[in-house]
C-alpha atoms as a PDB file:
ATOM      1  CA  UNK A   1     -28.890 -25.901  10.439  1.00  0.00           C
ATOM      2  CA  UNK A   2     -30.395 -28.385   8.046  1.00  0.00           C
ATOM      3  CA  UNK A   3     -30.089 -26.201   4.956  1.00  0.00           C
ATOM      4  CA  UNK A   4     -27.743 -27.501   2.254  1.00  0.00           C
ATOM      5  CA  UNK A   5     -26.540 -24.029   1.280  1.00  0.00           C
ATOM      6  CA  UNK A   6     -23.316 -22.599   2.655  1.00  0.00           C
ATOM      7  CA  UNK A   7     -23.212 -19.699   5.072  1.00  0.00           C
ATOM      8  CA  UNK A   8     -22.115 -16.583   3.196  1.00  0.00           C
ATOM      9  CA  UNK A   9     -19.642 -14.190   4.812  1.00  0.00           C
ATOM     10  CA  UNK A  10     -18.701 -10.630   3.900  1.00  0.00           C
ATOM     11  CA  UNK A  11     -15.695  -9.165   5.723  1.00  0.00           C
ATOM     12  CA  UNK A  12     -14.044  -5.791   5.295  1.00  0.00           C
ATOM     13  CA  UNK A  13     -10.943  -5.203   7.376  1.00  0.00           C
ATOM     14  CA  UNK A  14      -8.008  -2.874   7.934  1.00  0.00           C
ATOM     15  CA  UNK A  15      -4.483  -3.856   8.970  1.00  0.00           C
ATOM     16  CA  UNK A  16      -2.302  -0.779   9.063  1.00  0.00           C
ATOM     17  CA  UNK A  17      -2.541   0.244   5.452  1.00  0.00           C
ATOM     18  CA  UNK A  18      -4.317  -2.878   4.406  1.00  0.00           C
ATOM     19  CA  UNK A  19      -7.848  -4.217   4.637  1.00  0.00           C
ATOM     20  CA  UNK A  20      -9.125  -7.744   4.075  1.00  0.00           C
ATOM     21  CA  UNK A  21     -12.591  -8.040   2.600  1.00  0.00           C
ATOM     22  CA  UNK A  22     -14.493 -11.255   2.286  1.00  0.00           C
ATOM     23  CA  UNK A  23     -17.664 -12.183   0.465  1.00  0.00           C
ATOM     24  CA  UNK A  24     -20.197 -14.855  -0.071  1.00  0.00           C
ATOM     25  CA  UNK A  25     -20.995 -17.956  -2.051  1.00  0.00           C
ATOM     26  CA  UNK A  26     -22.946 -17.867  -5.314  1.00  0.00           C
ATOM     27  CA  UNK A  27     -26.760 -17.944  -4.979  1.00  0.00           C
ATOM     28  CA  UNK A  28     -28.422 -21.337  -5.003  1.00  0.00           C
ATOM     29  CA  UNK A  29     -31.923 -22.583  -5.736  1.00  0.00           C
ATOM     30  CA  UNK A  30     -33.744 -24.998  -3.466  1.00  0.00           C
ATOM     31  CA  UNK A  31     -32.391 -27.827  -5.552  1.00  0.00           C
ATOM     32  CA  UNK A  32     -28.811 -26.671  -5.068  1.00  0.00           C
ATOM     33  CA  UNK A  33     -28.272 -25.442  -8.656  1.00  0.00           C
ATOM     34  CA  UNK A  34     -26.754 -22.010  -9.272  1.00  0.00           C
ATOM     35  CA  UNK A  35     -28.538 -19.360 -11.285  1.00  0.00           C
ATOM     36  CA  UNK A  36     -25.173 -17.876 -12.292  1.00  0.00           C
ATOM     37  CA  UNK A  37     -26.293 -16.104 -15.446  1.00  0.00           C
ATOM     38  CA  UNK A  38     -29.134 -14.237 -13.775  1.00  0.00           C
ATOM     39  CA  UNK A  39     -26.949 -13.341 -10.818  1.00  0.00           C
ATOM     40  CA  UNK A  40     -24.203 -11.861 -13.014  1.00  0.00           C
ATOM     41  CA  UNK A  41     -26.799  -9.690 -14.755  1.00  0.00           C
ATOM     42  CA  UNK A  42     -27.912  -8.278 -11.401  1.00  0.00           C
ATOM     43  CA  UNK A  43     -24.394  -7.152 -10.388  1.00  0.00           C
ATOM     44  CA  UNK A  44     -24.438  -4.191 -12.757  1.00  0.00           C
ATOM     45  CA  UNK A  45     -21.613  -1.749 -13.386  1.00  0.00           C
ATOM     46  CA  UNK A  46     -23.719   1.324 -12.615  1.00  0.00           C
ATOM     47  CA  UNK A  47     -24.522  -0.081  -9.169  1.00  0.00           C
ATOM     48  CA  UNK A  48     -20.863  -0.711  -8.448  1.00  0.00           C
ATOM     49  CA  UNK A  49     -20.066   2.838  -9.596  1.00  0.00           C
ATOM     50  CA  UNK A  50     -22.563   4.212  -7.070  1.00  0.00           C
ATOM     51  CA  UNK A  51     -20.514   2.630  -4.296  1.00  0.00           C
ATOM     52  CA  UNK A  52     -17.330   4.089  -5.801  1.00  0.00           C
ATOM     53  CA  UNK A  53     -18.933   7.529  -5.843  1.00  0.00           C
ATOM     54  CA  UNK A  54     -19.907   7.087  -2.199  1.00  0.00           C
ATOM     55  CA  UNK A  55     -16.314   6.204  -1.265  1.00  0.00           C
ATOM     56  CA  UNK A  56     -15.074   9.242  -3.184  1.00  0.00           C
ATOM     57  CA  UNK A  57     -17.513  11.523  -1.343  1.00  0.00           C
ATOM     58  CA  UNK A  58     -16.356  10.048   1.946  1.00  0.00           C
ATOM     59  CA  UNK A  59     -12.732  10.806   1.070  1.00  0.00           C
ATOM     60  CA  UNK A  60     -13.601  14.366   0.012  1.00  0.00           C
ATOM     61  CA  UNK A  61     -15.254  14.948   3.381  1.00  0.00           C
ATOM     62  CA  UNK A  62     -12.286  13.523   5.324  1.00  0.00           C
ATOM     63  CA  UNK A  63      -9.051  15.271   4.287  1.00  0.00           C
ATOM     64  CA  UNK A  64      -9.060  13.614   0.869  1.00  0.00           C
ATOM     65  CA  UNK A  65      -8.377  10.036   1.962  1.00  0.00           C
ATOM     66  CA  UNK A  66      -9.770   6.860   3.521  1.00  0.00           C
ATOM     67  CA  UNK A  67      -6.549   5.550   5.068  1.00  0.00           C
ATOM     68  CA  UNK A  68      -6.592   3.109   7.966  1.00  0.00           C
ATOM     69  CA  UNK A  69      -6.916   4.698  11.427  1.00  0.00           C
ATOM     70  CA  UNK A  70      -8.445   7.873   9.949  1.00  0.00           C
ATOM     71  CA  UNK A  71     -11.984   9.332  10.009  1.00  0.00           C
ATOM     72  CA  UNK A  72     -12.203   8.473   6.307  1.00  0.00           C
ATOM     73  CA  UNK A  73     -11.770   4.788   7.081  1.00  0.00           C
ATOM     74  CA  UNK A  74     -14.340   4.949   9.875  1.00  0.00           C
ATOM     75  CA  UNK A  75     -16.834   6.615   7.510  1.00  0.00           C
ATOM     76  CA  UNK A  76     -16.114   3.982   4.832  1.00  0.00           C
ATOM     77  CA  UNK A  77     -16.779   1.210   7.336  1.00  0.00           C
ATOM     78  CA  UNK A  78     -20.062   2.791   8.428  1.00  0.00           C
ATOM     79  CA  UNK A  79     -21.179   3.053   4.803  1.00  0.00           C
ATOM     80  CA  UNK A  80     -20.424  -0.638   4.272  1.00  0.00           C
ATOM     81  CA  UNK A  81     -22.183  -1.614   7.489  1.00  0.00           C
ATOM     82  CA  UNK A  82     -25.308   0.391   6.615  1.00  0.00           C
ATOM     83  CA  UNK A  83     -25.430  -1.084   3.125  1.00  0.00           C
ATOM     84  CA  UNK A  84     -25.016  -4.658   4.318  1.00  0.00           C
ATOM     85  CA  UNK A  85     -27.485  -4.348   7.194  1.00  0.00           C
ATOM     86  CA  UNK A  86     -30.061  -2.886   4.794  1.00  0.00           C
ATOM     87  CA  UNK A  87     -29.536  -5.953   2.611  1.00  0.00           C
ATOM     88  CA  UNK A  88     -30.283  -8.222   5.577  1.00  0.00           C
ATOM     89  CA  UNK A  89     -26.837  -9.160   6.858  1.00  0.00           C
ATOM     90  CA  UNK A  90     -25.624  -9.275  10.439  1.00  0.00           C
ATOM     91  CA  UNK A  91     -22.497  -7.103  10.787  1.00  0.00           C
ATOM     92  CA  UNK A  92     -19.805  -7.063  13.473  1.00  0.00           C
ATOM     93  CA  UNK A  93     -16.458  -5.365  13.977  1.00  0.00           C
ATOM     94  CA  UNK A  94     -13.451  -7.599  14.593  1.00  0.00           C
ATOM     95  CA  UNK A  95     -10.841  -5.548  16.503  1.00  0.00           C
ATOM     96  CA  UNK A  96      -7.116  -6.340  16.399  1.00  0.00           C
ATOM     97  CA  UNK A  97      -3.765  -4.702  17.156  1.00  0.00           C
ATOM     98  CA  UNK A  98      -0.753  -4.358  14.877  1.00  0.00           C
ATOM     99  CA  UNK A  99       2.600  -2.598  14.699  1.00  0.00           C
ATOM    100  CA  UNK A 100       2.376   0.720  12.830  1.00  0.00           C
ATOM    101  CA  UNK A 101       5.391   2.531  11.378  1.00  0.00           C
ATOM    102  CA  UNK A 102       5.710   6.208  12.327  1.00  0.00           C
ATOM    103  CA  UNK A 103       8.045   8.352  10.204  1.00  0.00           C
ATOM    104  CA  UNK A 104      10.487  10.402  12.291  1.00  0.00           C
ATOM    105  CA  UNK A 105      12.497  11.868   9.413  1.00  0.00           C
ATOM    106  CA  UNK A 106      12.465  11.740   5.609  1.00  0.00           C
ATOM    107  CA  UNK A 107      14.733  14.420   4.155  1.00  0.00           C
ATOM    108  CA  UNK A 108      17.683  14.831   1.852  1.00  0.00           C
ATOM    109  CA  UNK A 109      19.405  18.206   1.916  1.00  0.00           C
ATOM    110  CA  UNK A 110      22.117  19.764  -0.181  1.00  0.00           C
ATOM    111  CA  UNK A 111      23.056  23.041   1.431  1.00  0.00           C
ATOM    112  CA  UNK A 112      19.832  25.035   1.769  1.00  0.00           C
ATOM    113  CA  UNK A 113      17.988  22.859  -0.764  1.00  0.00           C
ATOM    114  CA  UNK A 114      15.678  20.073   0.423  1.00  0.00           C
ATOM    115  CA  UNK A 115      14.602  17.077  -1.642  1.00  0.00           C
ATOM    116  CA  UNK A 116      11.642  14.773  -1.085  1.00  0.00           C
ATOM    117  CA  UNK A 117      12.527  11.173  -0.161  1.00  0.00           C
ATOM    118  CA  UNK A 118      10.814   8.077   1.220  1.00  0.00           C
ATOM    119  CA  UNK A 119      12.603   5.354   3.177  1.00  0.00           C
ATOM    120  CA  UNK A 120      12.318   2.020   1.395  1.00  0.00           C
ATOM    121  CA  UNK A 121      10.688  -0.935   3.080  1.00  0.00           C
ATOM    122  CA  UNK A 122      13.285  -3.148   4.839  1.00  0.00           C
ATOM    123  CA  UNK A 123      15.844  -0.321   4.739  1.00  0.00           C
ATOM    124  CA  UNK A 124      17.815   0.436   7.891  1.00  0.00           C
ATOM    125  CA  UNK A 125      17.400   3.905   9.368  1.00  0.00           C
ATOM    126  CA  UNK A 126      20.076   6.559   9.474  1.00  0.00           C
ATOM    127  CA  UNK A 127      21.454   7.769  12.798  1.00  0.00           C
ATOM    128  CA  UNK A 128      19.700  10.823  14.209  1.00  0.00           C
ATOM    129  CA  UNK A 129      20.860  13.755  12.115  1.00  0.00           C
ATOM    130  CA  UNK A 130      21.368  11.589   9.052  1.00  0.00           C
ATOM    131  CA  UNK A 131      24.288  10.384   6.932  1.00  0.00           C
ATOM    132  CA  UNK A 132      26.404  12.903   5.027  1.00  0.00           C
ATOM    133  CA  UNK A 133      28.598  12.324   2.006  1.00  0.00           C
ATOM    134  CA  UNK A 134      29.422  13.433  -1.488  1.00  0.00           C
ATOM    135  CA  UNK A 135      26.863  12.701  -4.181  1.00  0.00           C
ATOM    136  CA  UNK A 136      28.054  10.063  -6.664  1.00  0.00           C
ATOM    137  CA  UNK A 137      26.468   8.131  -9.527  1.00  0.00           C
ATOM    138  CA  UNK A 138      27.404   4.898 -11.326  1.00  0.00           C
ATOM    139  CA  UNK A 139      28.883   4.827 -14.818  1.00  0.00           C
ATOM    140  CA  UNK A 140      25.434   4.079 -16.159  1.00  0.00           C
ATOM    141  CA  UNK A 141      22.364   5.538 -14.399  1.00  0.00           C
ATOM    142  CA  UNK A 142      20.988   2.131 -13.375  1.00  0.00           C
ATOM    143  CA  UNK A 143      23.823   0.777 -11.201  1.00  0.00           C
ATOM    144  CA  UNK A 144      22.643  -2.830 -11.300  1.00  0.00           C
ATOM    145  CA  UNK A 145      26.059  -4.530 -11.161  1.00  0.00           C
ATOM    146  CA  UNK A 146      29.419  -4.032  -9.478  1.00  0.00           C
ATOM    147  CA  UNK A 147      31.182  -3.109 -12.728  1.00  0.00           C
ATOM    148  CA  UNK A 148      28.980  -0.034 -13.143  1.00  0.00           C
ATOM    149  CA  UNK A 149      30.851   1.432 -10.168  1.00  0.00           C
ATOM    150  CA  UNK A 150      34.359   0.785 -11.556  1.00  0.00           C
ATOM    151  CA  UNK A 151      36.464   3.911 -11.191  1.00  0.00           C
ATOM    152  CA  UNK A 152      33.822   5.795  -9.139  1.00  0.00           C
ATOM    153  CA  UNK A 153      35.014   7.150  -5.777  1.00  0.00           C
ATOM    154  CA  UNK A 154      31.973   5.938  -3.856  1.00  0.00           C
ATOM    155  CA  UNK A 155      33.478   5.278  -0.410  1.00  0.00           C
ATOM    156  CA  UNK A 156      31.455   7.154   2.216  1.00  0.00           C
ATOM    157  CA  UNK A 157      29.319   8.770  -0.482  1.00  0.00           C
ATOM    158  CA  UNK A 158      25.587   8.952  -1.151  1.00  0.00           C
ATOM    159  CA  UNK A 159      24.860   6.995  -4.322  1.00  0.00           C
ATOM    160  CA  UNK A 160      22.224   8.344  -6.735  1.00  0.00           C
ATOM    161  CA  UNK A 161      20.771   5.643  -8.987  1.00  0.00           C
ATOM    162  CA  UNK A 162      17.876   5.433 -11.446  1.00  0.00           C
ATOM    163  CA  UNK A 163      15.032   2.969 -11.229  1.00  0.00           C
ATOM    164  CA  UNK A 164      14.916   0.325 -13.959  1.00  0.00           C
ATOM    165  CA  UNK A 165      16.042  -3.099 -15.284  1.00  0.00           C
ATOM    166  CA  UNK A 166      16.916  -4.743 -11.935  1.00  0.00           C
ATOM    167  CA  UNK A 167      15.400  -4.879  -8.429  1.00  0.00           C
ATOM    168  CA  UNK A 168      16.046  -2.032  -6.000  1.00  0.00           C
ATOM    169  CA  UNK A 169      17.925  -4.450  -3.773  1.00  0.00           C
ATOM    170  CA  UNK A 170      20.448  -5.211  -6.539  1.00  0.00           C
ATOM    171  CA  UNK A 171      21.153  -1.506  -6.957  1.00  0.00           C
ATOM    172  CA  UNK A 172      21.625  -1.050  -3.217  1.00  0.00           C
ATOM    173  CA  UNK A 173      23.894  -4.111  -2.913  1.00  0.00           C
ATOM    174  CA  UNK A 174      26.105  -2.926  -5.780  1.00  0.00           C
ATOM    175  CA  UNK A 175      26.362   0.602  -4.367  1.00  0.00           C
ATOM    176  CA  UNK A 176      27.193  -0.622  -0.864  1.00  0.00           C
ATOM    177  CA  UNK A 177      29.844  -2.984  -2.261  1.00  0.00           C
ATOM    178  CA  UNK A 178      31.417   0.048  -3.952  1.00  0.00           C
ATOM    179  CA  UNK A 179      31.604   1.765  -0.549  1.00  0.00           C
ATOM    180  CA  UNK A 180      28.494   3.981  -0.553  1.00  0.00           C
ATOM    181  CA  UNK A 181      27.199   5.033   2.854  1.00  0.00           C
ATOM    182  CA  UNK A 182      23.628   5.520   1.601  1.00  0.00           C
ATOM    183  CA  UNK A 183      21.632   5.018  -1.585  1.00  0.00           C
ATOM    184  CA  UNK A 184      18.943   7.167  -3.201  1.00  0.00           C
ATOM    185  CA  UNK A 185      17.004   5.610  -6.085  1.00  0.00           C
ATOM    186  CA  UNK A 186      14.939   7.967  -8.231  1.00  0.00           C
ATOM    187  CA  UNK A 187      11.781   7.062 -10.080  1.00  0.00           C
ATOM    188  CA  UNK A 188      11.709   6.547 -13.840  1.00  0.00           C
ATOM    189  CA  UNK A 189       7.979   7.320 -13.835  1.00  0.00           C
ATOM    190  CA  UNK A 190       5.995  10.275 -12.564  1.00  0.00           C
ATOM    191  CA  UNK A 191       5.700  10.594  -8.806  1.00  0.00           C
ATOM    192  CA  UNK A 192       7.501   9.568  -5.641  1.00  0.00           C
ATOM    193  CA  UNK A 193       9.227   6.174  -5.604  1.00  0.00           C
ATOM    194  CA  UNK A 194       7.748   4.098  -2.772  1.00  0.00           C
ATOM    195  CA  UNK A 195       9.952   1.014  -3.000  1.00  0.00           C
ATOM    196  CA  UNK A 196      10.923  -2.120  -1.127  1.00  0.00           C
ATOM    197  CA  UNK A 197      14.165  -4.062  -0.842  1.00  0.00           C
ATOM    198  CA  UNK A 198      12.147  -7.257  -0.606  1.00  0.00           C
ATOM    199  CA  UNK A 199      13.670  -8.606   2.616  1.00  0.00           C
ATOM    200  CA  UNK A 200      15.581  -7.528   5.711  1.00  0.00           C
ATOM    201  CA  UNK A 201      19.365  -7.658   5.968  1.00  0.00           C
ATOM    202  CA  UNK A 202      20.238  -7.408   2.270  1.00  0.00           C
ATOM    203  CA  UNK A 203      22.207  -4.191   2.846  1.00  0.00           C
ATOM    204  CA  UNK A 204      23.422  -2.355   5.945  1.00  0.00           C
ATOM    205  CA  UNK A 205      23.149   1.171   4.507  1.00  0.00           C
ATOM    206  CA  UNK A 206      19.957   3.285   4.355  1.00  0.00           C
ATOM    207  CA  UNK A 207      18.078   3.288   1.044  1.00  0.00           C
ATOM    208  CA  UNK A 208      15.469   5.839  -0.014  1.00  0.00           C
ATOM    209  CA  UNK A 209      13.356   6.616  -3.054  1.00  0.00           C
ATOM    210  CA  UNK A 210      12.701   9.985  -4.648  1.00  0.00           C
ATOM    211  CA  UNK A 211      10.920  11.597  -7.600  1.00  0.00           C
ATOM    212  CA  UNK A 212      12.329  11.669 -11.149  1.00  0.00           C
ATOM    213  CA  UNK A 213      12.711  15.455 -10.969  1.00  0.00           C
ATOM    214  CA  UNK A 214      14.631  15.464  -7.687  1.00  0.00           C
ATOM    215  CA  UNK A 215      16.632  12.447  -8.791  1.00  0.00           C
ATOM    216  CA  UNK A 216      17.699  14.154 -12.004  1.00  0.00           C
ATOM    217  CA  UNK A 217      18.765  17.233 -10.043  1.00  0.00           C
ATOM    218  CA  UNK A 218      20.801  15.111  -7.615  1.00  0.00           C
ATOM    219  CA  UNK A 219      22.367  13.084 -10.423  1.00  0.00           C
ATOM    220  CA  UNK A 220      23.442  16.318 -12.104  1.00  0.00           C
ATOM    221  CA  UNK A 221      25.360  17.240  -8.922  1.00  0.00           C
ATOM    222  CA  UNK A 222      27.035  13.818  -8.639  1.00  0.00           C
ATOM    223  CA  UNK A 223      30.794  13.787  -9.002  1.00  0.00           C
ATOM    224  CA  UNK A 224      31.124  17.524  -8.374  1.00  0.00           C
ATOM    225  CA  UNK A 225      32.193  17.225  -4.747  1.00  0.00           C
ATOM    226  CA  UNK A 226      28.805  18.383  -3.493  1.00  0.00           C
ATOM    227  CA  UNK A 227      27.915  17.061  -0.023  1.00  0.00           C
ATOM    228  CA  UNK A 228      24.406  15.912   0.844  1.00  0.00           C
ATOM    229  CA  UNK A 229      22.754  14.661   4.025  1.00  0.00           C
ATOM    230  CA  UNK A 230      20.177  11.866   3.997  1.00  0.00           C
ATOM    231  CA  UNK A 231      18.013  11.516   7.113  1.00  0.00           C
ATOM    232  CA  UNK A 232      15.454   8.681   7.048  1.00  0.00           C
ATOM    233  CA  UNK A 233      14.187   7.225  10.320  1.00  0.00           C
ATOM    234  CA  UNK A 234      11.041   5.604  11.714  1.00  0.00           C
ATOM    235  CA  UNK A 235       9.779   3.835  14.801  1.00  0.00           C
ATOM    236  CA  UNK A 236       6.880   1.453  15.418  1.00  0.00           C
ATOM    237  CA  UNK A 237       3.896   1.855  17.696  1.00  0.00           C
ATOM    238  CA  UNK A 238       1.069  -0.516  18.526  1.00  0.00           C
ATOM    239  CA  UNK A 239      -2.201   0.542  16.917  1.00  0.00           C
ATOM    240  CA  UNK A 240      -5.726  -0.860  16.919  1.00  0.00           C
ATOM    241  CA  UNK A 241      -8.092  -1.197  13.975  1.00  0.00           C
ATOM    242  CA  UNK A 242     -10.959  -3.435  12.942  1.00  0.00           C
ATOM    243  CA  UNK A 243     -12.369  -5.699  10.271  1.00  0.00           C
ATOM    244  CA  UNK A 244     -16.003  -5.361   9.262  1.00  0.00           C
ATOM    245  CA  UNK A 245     -17.617  -8.799   9.095  1.00  0.00           C
ATOM    246  CA  UNK A 246     -21.059  -9.670   7.779  1.00  0.00           C
ATOM    247  CA  UNK A 247     -22.910 -12.969   7.661  1.00  0.00           C
ATOM    248  CA  UNK A 248     -26.101 -14.235   6.134  1.00  0.00           C
ATOM    249  CA  UNK A 249     -28.722 -15.077   8.733  1.00  0.00           C
ATOM    250  CA  UNK A 250     -29.138 -18.624   7.411  1.00  0.00           C
ATOM    251  CA  UNK A 251     -26.695 -21.290   6.315  1.00  0.00           C
ATOM    252  CA  UNK A 252     -24.270 -23.853   7.722  1.00  0.00           C
ATOM    253  CA  UNK A 253     -21.551 -22.801  10.158  1.00  0.00           C
ATOM    254  CA  UNK A 254     -19.317 -25.609   8.881  1.00  0.00           C
ATOM    255  CA  UNK A 255     -19.532 -24.555   5.224  1.00  0.00           C
ATOM    256  CA  UNK A 256     -18.406 -20.927   4.891  1.00  0.00           C
ATOM    257  CA  UNK A 257     -17.256 -19.170   1.717  1.00  0.00           C
ATOM    258  CA  UNK A 258     -15.191 -15.981   1.980  1.00  0.00           C
ATOM    259  CA  UNK A 259     -13.372 -13.707  -0.495  1.00  0.00           C
ATOM    260  CA  UNK A 260     -11.313 -10.563   0.081  1.00  0.00           C
ATOM    261  CA  UNK A 261     -10.387  -7.011  -0.918  1.00  0.00           C
ATOM    262  CA  UNK A 262      -9.160  -4.159   1.252  1.00  0.00           C
ATOM    263  CA  UNK A 263     -11.395  -1.265   2.231  1.00  0.00           C
ATOM    264  CA  UNK A 264      -8.839   1.400   3.162  1.00  0.00           C
ATOM    265  CA  UNK A 265      -6.827   3.574   0.793  1.00  0.00           C
ATOM    266  CA  UNK A 266      -3.513   5.393   0.871  1.00  0.00           C
ATOM    267  CA  UNK A 267      -2.985   8.686   2.697  1.00  0.00           C
ATOM    268  CA  UNK A 268      -2.159  10.479  -0.570  1.00  0.00           C
ATOM    269  CA  UNK A 269      -5.623  10.164  -2.108  1.00  0.00           C
ATOM    270  CA  UNK A 270      -9.124   8.653  -1.974  1.00  0.00           C
ATOM    271  CA  UNK A 271      -7.946   5.139  -2.903  1.00  0.00           C
ATOM    272  CA  UNK A 272     -10.624   4.564  -5.532  1.00  0.00           C
ATOM    273  CA  UNK A 273      -8.590   2.360  -7.880  1.00  0.00           C
ATOM    274  CA  UNK A 274      -6.762   0.704  -4.972  1.00  0.00           C
ATOM    275  CA  UNK A 275      -8.950  -0.630  -3.629  1.00  0.00           C
ATOM    276  CA  UNK A 276     -12.414   0.887  -3.524  1.00  0.00           C
ATOM    277  CA  UNK A 277     -12.970  -0.891  -6.853  1.00  0.00           C
ATOM    278  CA  UNK A 278     -12.606  -4.283  -5.192  1.00  0.00           C
ATOM    279  CA  UNK A 279     -14.656  -3.281  -2.161  1.00  0.00           C
ATOM    280  CA  UNK A 280     -17.438  -1.803  -4.317  1.00  0.00           C
ATOM    281  CA  UNK A 281     -17.660  -4.900  -6.519  1.00  0.00           C
ATOM    282  CA  UNK A 282     -17.792  -7.203  -3.484  1.00  0.00           C
ATOM    283  CA  UNK A 283     -20.308  -4.981  -1.731  1.00  0.00           C
ATOM    284  CA  UNK A 284     -22.716  -4.968  -4.674  1.00  0.00           C
ATOM    285  CA  UNK A 285     -22.218  -8.711  -5.086  1.00  0.00           C
ATOM    286  CA  UNK A 286     -23.281  -9.140  -1.457  1.00  0.00           C
ATOM    287  CA  UNK A 287     -26.351  -6.976  -1.944  1.00  0.00           C
ATOM    288  CA  UNK A 288     -27.476  -8.955  -4.961  1.00  0.00           C
ATOM    289  CA  UNK A 289     -26.778 -12.287  -3.273  1.00  0.00           C
ATOM    290  CA  UNK A 290     -29.041 -11.280  -0.424  1.00  0.00           C
ATOM    291  CA  UNK A 291     -31.820 -10.430  -2.869  1.00  0.00           C
ATOM    292  CA  UNK A 292     -31.333 -13.780  -4.594  1.00  0.00           C
END
């Protein structure tokens, strides 16, 4: 086209547990100057909040979440598509495949007692049936360095370590060097510890996170000869999801502006803070750009 303005693109996408959302360039007058101040005034907080409330209603109607590959995500995408089409955009769905992790086991048992755990990202899995060993803890609760395991009979044991000070990988490396067959790191804040080792191959033993309450209970049993079994395993399957793309009807194909935020949320809740906030702000920005 002959217009000097850029083509504006809005894209909302899901990749497993992530979504990429793009948006558009700032509005321009015929002379190419931006009316930035007036545009900012039009993207009002109360309008963004209305989108957030819509996402929350969608979650409430769909098992409490908007996670990728769920009806809640589909409903979120339809809401976005309706809103953008009403504003004058052309919307399309961009389908893609990806490898999805499926949890086969996530348990830690001590006798008849079961504790909640989550396998850390980049952790190896246990054999089927899990790894068993005595519960042990470092000389300090953090276990960041090799000397914190001096004098601890950790060979073949399940190490119980607190979150804090150093990366999870450092704790796992130190525990494995002391002979531990598995590592459980408990949260120092409320809730389950969903952690990552940061890269593959740093340790060869399974590593899992747990809650502060369960971690404290396990740490209290450490060194008493109590045997525990950690069973954390997963496999991957190919899954298919989609990005929601939207374009202005006018503009140059060789001058495209795009921004991003993910549309889906976690399975544990409606995902309003992470990341309906970003999606709602981008969505209202798109609506106001179209009006401008």
